[in-house]
Amino acid sequence: MKGSIIWRSGKPKREGGIGTHVTGITKRRFLPNLQRVKALVDGEVRYMRVSTRALKKGLVVKAPKRRWKKDQAKA
């Protein structure tokens, strides 16, 4: 999404001033809140960048916790 940052100067009328005035407008972008998450994709554990909204909705299946030690895997 796009938006703008608006700079204002002056004291508001309700605080006893003569009112605020816009002194500058700069364009800005609203970026999604992405998190790096281990997820199951086609049966494989992969790192993905996922929005927090998708995580809250449960659209991503997170990888199970690793319960084994490195020494046990070799034996």
C-alpha atoms as a PDB file:
ATOM      1  CA  MET A   1       0.000   0.000   0.000  1.00  0.00           C
ATOM      2  CA  LYS A   2       1.074   3.553  -0.570  1.00  0.00           C
ATOM      3  CA  GLY A   3       0.575   6.573   1.610  1.00  0.00           C
ATOM      4  CA  SER A   4       2.243   9.755   2.646  1.00  0.00           C
ATOM      5  CA  ILE A   5       3.948  11.330   5.628  1.00  0.00           C
ATOM      6  CA  ILE A   6       2.592  14.812   6.328  1.00  0.00           C
ATOM      7  CA  TRP A   7       4.684  17.342   8.263  1.00  0.00           C
ATOM      8  CA  ARG A   8       2.807  20.072  10.034  1.00  0.00           C
ATOM      9  CA  SER A   9       3.990  23.166  11.843  1.00  0.00           C
ATOM     10  CA  GLY A  10       2.242  25.628  14.112  1.00  0.00           C
ATOM     11  CA  LYS A  11       0.159  25.404  17.238  1.00  0.00           C
ATOM     12  CA  PRO A  12      -3.409  23.995  16.994  1.00  0.00           C
ATOM     13  CA  LYS A  13      -6.256  26.459  17.521  1.00  0.00           C
ATOM     14  CA  ARG A  14      -7.630  24.405  20.403  1.00  0.00           C
ATOM     15  CA  GLU A  15      -4.310  24.952  22.195  1.00  0.00           C
ATOM     16  CA  GLY A  16      -4.405  28.722  21.654  1.00  0.00           C
ATOM     17  CA  GLY A  17      -2.458  28.995  18.394  1.00  0.00           C
ATOM     18  CA  ILE A  18      -3.419  30.234  14.933  1.00  0.00           C
ATOM     19  CA  GLY A  19      -3.691  26.728  13.471  1.00  0.00           C
ATOM     20  CA  THR A  20      -1.378  24.155  11.949  1.00  0.00           C
ATOM     21  CA  HIS A  21      -0.078  24.271   8.366  1.00  0.00           C
ATOM     22  CA  VAL A  22       1.261  21.506   6.136  1.00  0.00           C
ATOM     23  CA  THR A  23       4.931  22.149   5.396  1.00  0.00           C
ATOM     24  CA  GLY A  24       5.819  18.968   3.498  1.00  0.00           C
ATOM     25  CA  ILE A  25       4.412  15.734   2.115  1.00  0.00           C
ATOM     26  CA  THR A  26       6.622  12.715   1.403  1.00  0.00           C
ATOM     27  CA  LYS A  27       5.494   9.442  -0.178  1.00  0.00           C
ATOM     28  CA  ARG A  28       5.922   6.228   1.801  1.00  0.00           C
ATOM     29  CA  ARG A  29       5.076   2.539   1.510  1.00  0.00           C
ATOM     30  CA  PHE A  30       3.340   0.250   3.984  1.00  0.00           C
ATOM     31  CA  LEU A  31       5.255  -3.052   3.951  1.00  0.00           C
ATOM     32  CA  PRO A  32       3.954  -6.387   5.292  1.00  0.00           C
ATOM     33  CA  ASN A  33       5.330  -7.713   8.573  1.00  0.00           C
ATOM     34  CA  LEU A  34       7.365 -10.681   7.269  1.00  0.00           C
ATOM     35  CA  GLN A  35       8.915 -13.278   9.555  1.00  0.00           C
ATOM     36  CA  ARG A  36      11.424 -16.021   8.724  1.00  0.00           C
ATOM     37  CA  VAL A  37       9.754 -19.316   9.686  1.00  0.00           C
ATOM     38  CA  LYS A  38      10.541 -23.014   9.324  1.00  0.00           C
ATOM     39  CA  ALA A  39       7.538 -24.509   7.526  1.00  0.00           C
ATOM     40  CA  LEU A  40       6.518 -27.837   6.022  1.00  0.00           C
ATOM     41  CA  VAL A  41       6.345 -27.566   2.230  1.00  0.00           C
ATOM     42  CA  ASP A  42       5.586 -30.771   0.266  1.00  0.00           C
ATOM     43  CA  GLY A  43       6.824 -32.882   3.200  1.00  0.00           C
ATOM     44  CA  GLU A  44      10.130 -30.992   3.492  1.00  0.00           C
ATOM     45  CA  VAL A  45      11.180 -28.489   6.141  1.00  0.00           C
ATOM     46  CA  ARG A  46      12.030 -25.155   4.514  1.00  0.00           C
ATOM     47  CA  TYR A  47      12.660 -21.634   5.647  1.00  0.00           C
ATOM     48  CA  MET A  48      10.060 -19.196   4.312  1.00  0.00           C
ATOM     49  CA  ARG A  49       9.305 -15.535   4.714  1.00  0.00           C
ATOM     50  CA  VAL A  50       5.693 -15.374   5.879  1.00  0.00           C
ATOM     51  CA  SER A  51       3.462 -12.495   6.902  1.00  0.00           C
ATOM     52  CA  THR A  52       2.279 -12.442  10.498  1.00  0.00           C
ATOM     53  CA  ARG A  53      -1.307 -12.299   9.258  1.00  0.00           C
ATOM     54  CA  ALA A  54      -0.841 -15.672   7.506  1.00  0.00           C
ATOM     55  CA  LEU A  55       0.725 -17.133  10.658  1.00  0.00           C
ATOM     56  CA  LYS A  56      -2.196 -15.967  12.808  1.00  0.00           C
ATOM     57  CA  LYS A  57      -4.747 -17.402  10.365  1.00  0.00           C
ATOM     58  CA  GLY A  58      -2.978 -20.762  10.409  1.00  0.00           C
ATOM     59  CA  LEU A  59      -2.252 -20.782   6.677  1.00  0.00           C
ATOM     60  CA  VAL A  60       1.303 -22.030   7.302  1.00  0.00           C
ATOM     61  CA  VAL A  61       2.106 -25.438   8.790  1.00  0.00           C
ATOM     62  CA  LYS A  62       5.117 -24.902  11.034  1.00  0.00           C
ATOM     63  CA  ALA A  63       7.815 -27.563  11.184  1.00  0.00           C
ATOM     64  CA  PRO A  64       7.747 -29.932  14.191  1.00  0.00           C
ATOM     65  CA  LYS A  65      10.282 -29.395  16.965  1.00  0.00           C
ATOM     66  CA  ARG A  66      13.447 -31.465  16.673  1.00  0.00           C
ATOM     67  CA  ARG A  67      13.496 -33.995  19.525  1.00  0.00           C
ATOM     68  CA  TRP A  68      16.628 -36.019  18.641  1.00  0.00           C
ATOM     69  CA  LYS A  69      20.273 -35.279  19.335  1.00  0.00           C
ATOM     70  CA  LYS A  70      22.999 -35.386  16.669  1.00  0.00           C
ATOM     71  CA  ASP A  71      24.714 -38.382  18.363  1.00  0.00           C
ATOM     72  CA  GLN A  72      21.518 -40.475  18.308  1.00  0.00           C
ATOM     73  CA  ALA A  73      20.990 -39.965  14.577  1.00  0.00           C
ATOM     74  CA  LYS A  74      24.316 -41.641  13.657  1.00  0.00           C
ATOM     75  CA  ALA A  75      23.747 -44.733  15.862  1.00  0.00           C
END
